Amino acid sequence: MKKTAFSLLALVLHLACQAQNFDVIPLGIYGGEQEDNLSAYLVGGTQDNTFLCLDAGTVNTGIRKAIEQKSINGPEETVLKDQIKGYFISHGHLDHLAGLIINSPADSKKDIFAIPSVVQILQNHYFITDTWINFADQGQKPILGKYHYNELQEGTEVPTQKTSFFLTGYELSHVNPYKSSAALVRNENHYLLYLGDTGADRIEKSDRMDNLWKNVASLVQKNS
């Protein structure tokens, strides 16, 4: 579907110095009809060969293009299985998770991070026999257990286990009352903020953006 709001890799907040503290590699940047270029971003620490994938609309094609551009080192199977250590899924629209679903048979065991409503969508609509099969560790049987769901509670930071990053989730509105989300990624004392599809509070008739900016304002102020 075409985006009615926006998907934004919002900002990097440097608290200790101005040096780059994240490597960000787009695997896809659009929504809608471009199935080989849908929202997905690899985020890693500098000089690190492991990544967290922020949304997963396009995965395999994006990995192949990134290898061609020498942004990452292949082969594709190694990047998918060994270098991508987990996924943050901002919301349940296909242009943000189709690559995760389609590539799941070839993937390795890893974590999925999402707010509870997004976990429910994955459990109830995608990882089920009628549409695919359940590669996760909860939901409809048979359960293959490849992916482990980690529910992000509003404003609560959690470790990503297989990377050096910590994640904090914030709920957003995407054509209210449908829910999207943002992820605040921490690497030591440096931060990156990623927003899934959303819109201005006056359009969404919500207070989700206001709440997000209030929560990250102190990080911006410390760096100003």
Protein backbone atom coordinates (compact mmCIF):
# COMPACT_ATOMS: atom_id res chain seq x y z
CA MET A 1 0.00 0.00 0.00
CA LYS A 2 1.13 3.58 -0.58
CA LYS A 3 2.16 5.42 2.52
CA THR A 4 -0.30 7.91 3.90
CA ALA A 5 2.18 9.24 6.41
CA PHE A 6 5.91 8.70 6.48
CA SER A 7 8.62 6.30 7.46
CA LEU A 8 11.59 8.05 8.95
CA LEU A 9 15.03 7.11 10.10
CA ALA A 10 14.77 10.13 12.26
CA LEU A 11 18.00 11.19 13.89
CA VAL A 12 21.22 10.19 15.53
CA LEU A 13 21.85 11.80 18.90
CA HIS A 14 25.53 11.95 19.92
CA LEU A 15 25.98 12.44 23.64
CA ALA A 16 29.74 12.02 24.02
CA CYS A 17 31.20 13.26 20.74
CA GLN A 18 30.32 14.05 17.14
CA ALA A 19 31.92 10.91 15.67
CA GLN A 20 29.74 8.40 13.83
CA ASN A 21 28.57 5.70 16.22
CA PHE A 22 26.18 3.78 13.95
CA ASP A 23 26.44 2.25 10.52
CA VAL A 24 23.08 2.47 8.72
CA ILE A 25 22.61 0.47 5.52
CA PRO A 26 19.25 0.81 3.72
CA LEU A 27 17.97 -2.44 2.24
CA GLY A 28 14.84 -0.66 1.01
CA ILE A 29 13.31 2.76 1.48
CA TYR A 30 9.86 2.88 -0.14
CA GLY A 31 6.33 1.61 0.38
CA GLY A 32 3.73 0.64 -2.15
CA GLU A 33 4.38 -1.20 -5.39
CA GLN A 34 8.20 -1.41 -5.36
CA GLU A 35 8.48 -4.89 -3.88
CA ASP A 36 12.27 -4.90 -4.24
CA ASN A 37 12.71 -1.61 -2.35
CA LEU A 38 10.50 -1.64 0.76
CA SER A 39 11.35 -0.23 4.19
CA ALA A 40 14.25 -2.05 5.86
CA TYR A 41 17.42 -0.67 7.44
CA LEU A 42 20.42 -2.51 8.83
CA VAL A 43 21.90 -0.78 11.87
CA GLY A 44 25.26 -1.79 13.28
CA GLY A 45 27.97 -0.35 15.45
CA THR A 46 30.99 1.08 13.67
CA GLN A 47 33.55 -1.60 12.80
CA ASP A 48 30.96 -4.21 13.75
CA ASN A 49 29.82 -7.01 11.46
CA THR A 50 26.46 -7.63 13.13
CA PHE A 51 23.22 -5.79 12.56
CA LEU A 52 19.75 -5.15 13.87
CA CYS A 53 17.21 -4.83 11.04
CA LEU A 54 14.74 -1.98 11.54
CA ASP A 55 11.66 -3.16 9.66
CA ALA A 56 11.95 -5.87 7.04
CA GLY A 57 9.94 -5.03 3.94
CA THR A 58 12.76 -5.99 1.57
CA VAL A 59 15.50 -8.26 2.88
CA ASN A 60 17.17 -10.60 0.38
CA THR A 61 17.15 -8.23 -2.59
CA GLY A 62 18.39 -5.43 -0.35
CA ILE A 63 21.23 -7.60 0.95
CA ARG A 64 22.25 -8.45 -2.61
CA LYS A 65 22.28 -4.78 -3.65
CA ALA A 66 24.22 -3.81 -0.52
CA ILE A 67 26.85 -6.45 -1.34
CA GLU A 68 27.07 -5.13 -4.91
CA GLN A 69 27.60 -1.62 -3.52
CA LYS A 70 30.22 -3.01 -1.10
CA SER A 71 28.25 -1.70 1.87
CA ILE A 72 28.40 -5.15 3.45
CA ASN A 73 30.42 -8.29 2.78
CA GLY A 74 28.66 -11.35 1.38
CA PRO A 75 27.65 -13.97 0.57
CA GLU A 76 23.92 -13.23 0.93
CA GLU A 77 23.24 -16.36 3.00
CA THR A 78 25.90 -15.39 5.55
CA VAL A 79 24.52 -11.87 5.92
CA LEU A 80 20.98 -13.16 6.43
CA LYS A 81 21.81 -16.00 8.79
CA ASP A 82 24.84 -14.74 10.70
CA GLN A 83 25.11 -10.96 10.47
CA ILE A 84 21.47 -9.95 10.99
CA LYS A 85 20.86 -10.74 14.65
CA GLY A 86 17.28 -9.55 15.08
CA TYR A 87 14.39 -7.49 13.71
CA PHE A 88 12.43 -4.53 14.99
CA ILE A 89 9.03 -4.44 13.27
CA SER A 90 7.31 -1.07 13.60
CA HIS A 91 3.83 -2.12 12.47
CA GLY A 92 1.93 -4.83 10.67
CA HIS A 93 1.72 -3.56 7.09
CA LEU A 94 3.29 -5.79 4.46
CA ASP A 95 5.68 -3.14 3.14
CA HIS A 96 7.42 -3.28 6.53
CA LEU A 97 7.58 -7.05 7.09
CA ALA A 98 7.13 -8.97 3.82
CA GLY A 99 10.86 -9.73 3.57
CA LEU A 100 10.89 -11.21 7.07
CA ILE A 101 8.02 -13.55 6.22
CA ILE A 102 9.25 -14.63 2.77
CA ASN A 103 12.85 -15.23 3.88
CA SER A 104 11.96 -17.03 7.12
CA PRO A 105 12.60 -20.56 5.75
CA ALA A 106 16.22 -19.60 4.93
CA ASP A 107 16.80 -17.58 8.09
CA SER A 108 18.45 -18.62 11.36
CA LYS A 109 17.16 -18.38 14.93
CA LYS A 110 16.81 -14.80 16.09
CA ASP A 111 14.65 -12.30 17.94
CA ILE A 112 11.74 -10.15 16.78
CA PHE A 113 11.17 -6.94 18.76
CA ALA A 114 7.78 -5.23 18.50
CA ILE A 115 5.07 -3.59 20.58
CA PRO A 116 2.35 -6.03 21.76
CA SER A 117 -0.20 -5.09 19.06
CA VAL A 118 2.35 -5.84 16.31
CA VAL A 119 3.27 -9.18 17.89
CA GLN A 120 -0.43 -10.05 17.84
CA ILE A 121 -0.65 -9.22 14.14
CA LEU A 122 2.32 -11.47 13.38
CA GLN A 123 0.80 -14.26 15.47
CA ASN A 124 -2.75 -13.95 14.16
CA HIS A 125 -2.30 -13.04 10.50
CA TYR A 126 1.15 -13.93 9.14
CA PHE A 127 2.81 -16.79 10.99
CA ILE A 128 -0.20 -19.07 10.59
CA THR A 129 -0.88 -22.05 8.33
CA ASP A 130 -3.41 -20.23 6.12
CA THR A 131 -0.88 -17.62 4.99
CA TRP A 132 2.55 -19.16 5.63
CA ILE A 133 3.60 -21.32 8.59
CA ASN A 134 4.48 -20.43 12.15
CA PHE A 135 8.23 -19.89 12.28
CA ALA A 136 7.89 -18.14 15.66
CA ASP A 137 7.81 -19.62 19.17
CA GLN A 138 4.26 -18.60 20.07
CA GLY A 139 0.88 -18.85 18.37
CA GLN A 140 -0.73 -21.38 16.07
CA LYS A 141 0.57 -24.95 16.01
CA PRO A 142 2.74 -26.37 14.54
CA ILE A 143 5.28 -24.02 16.14
CA LEU A 144 8.72 -24.12 14.52
CA GLY A 145 10.35 -21.84 17.09
CA LYS A 146 12.83 -20.07 14.81
CA TYR A 147 11.86 -16.55 15.94
CA HIS A 148 11.43 -15.40 19.53
CA TYR A 149 8.98 -12.57 20.19
CA ASN A 150 10.15 -9.77 22.48
CA GLU A 151 7.29 -7.43 23.38
CA LEU A 152 8.41 -3.84 23.83
CA GLN A 153 6.61 -2.02 26.63
CA GLU A 154 6.21 1.73 26.24
CA GLY A 155 9.33 3.56 27.35
CA THR A 156 11.08 0.48 28.79
CA GLU A 157 14.59 -0.29 27.53
CA VAL A 158 15.54 -3.90 26.77
CA PRO A 159 18.80 -5.49 25.55
CA THR A 160 18.86 -7.04 22.09
CA GLN A 161 20.89 -10.00 23.44
CA LYS A 162 22.87 -10.78 20.27
CA THR A 163 24.07 -7.23 19.57
CA SER A 164 25.47 -4.43 21.71
CA PHE A 165 22.27 -2.43 21.27
CA PHE A 166 19.45 -1.64 23.66
CA LEU A 167 15.93 -0.87 22.40
CA THR A 168 13.13 1.31 23.76
CA GLY A 169 9.75 1.19 22.03
CA TYR A 170 7.22 4.01 21.71
CA GLU A 171 3.72 3.71 20.30
CA LEU A 172 2.77 5.84 17.30
CA SER A 173 -0.49 6.38 15.45
CA HIS A 174 -0.77 5.43 11.77
CA VAL A 175 -4.24 6.44 10.56
CA ASN A 176 -5.71 6.42 14.07
CA PRO A 177 -6.60 4.05 15.74
CA TYR A 178 -4.13 1.75 13.89
CA LYS A 179 -0.87 1.52 15.80
CA SER A 180 2.67 1.93 14.56
CA SER A 181 5.80 2.39 16.67
CA ALA A 182 9.23 3.95 17.04
CA ALA A 183 12.44 2.41 18.32
CA LEU A 184 15.08 4.31 20.25
CA VAL A 185 18.32 2.38 19.70
CA ARG A 186 21.12 2.88 22.23
CA ASN A 187 24.75 1.97 21.59
CA GLU A 188 26.61 2.73 24.84
CA ASN A 189 25.62 6.39 25.35
CA HIS A 190 24.78 7.18 21.73
CA TYR A 191 21.26 7.04 20.34
CA LEU A 192 19.44 6.54 17.06
CA LEU A 193 15.69 7.07 16.72
CA TYR A 194 13.71 5.17 14.08
CA LEU A 195 10.05 5.88 13.33
CA GLY A 196 7.66 3.61 11.51
CA ASP A 197 4.79 5.12 9.50
CA THR A 198 3.01 7.89 11.38
CA GLY A 199 1.72 11.43 11.05
CA ALA A 200 1.35 14.69 12.89
CA ASP A 201 -0.81 14.57 16.03
CA ARG A 202 -3.28 17.11 14.61
CA ILE A 203 -3.86 14.82 11.62
CA GLU A 204 -3.82 11.57 13.58
CA LYS A 205 -5.93 13.09 16.38
CA SER A 206 -3.57 11.59 18.94
CA ASP A 207 -0.76 12.61 21.28
CA ARG A 208 1.76 9.95 20.26
CA MET A 209 4.26 12.24 18.52
CA ASP A 210 4.09 14.72 21.38
CA ASN A 211 4.78 11.91 23.84
CA LEU A 212 7.74 10.66 21.77
CA TRP A 213 9.39 14.08 21.51
CA LYS A 214 8.94 14.69 25.22
CA ASN A 215 10.73 11.42 25.95
CA VAL A 216 13.71 12.13 23.69
CA ALA A 217 13.93 15.88 24.38
CA SER A 218 16.41 15.46 27.22
CA LEU A 219 18.77 13.53 24.93
CA VAL A 220 18.67 16.35 22.38
CA GLN A 221 19.19 18.97 25.09
CA LYS A 222 22.27 17.18 26.42
CA ASN A 223 23.82 17.37 22.97
CA SER A 224 22.87 20.97 22.20
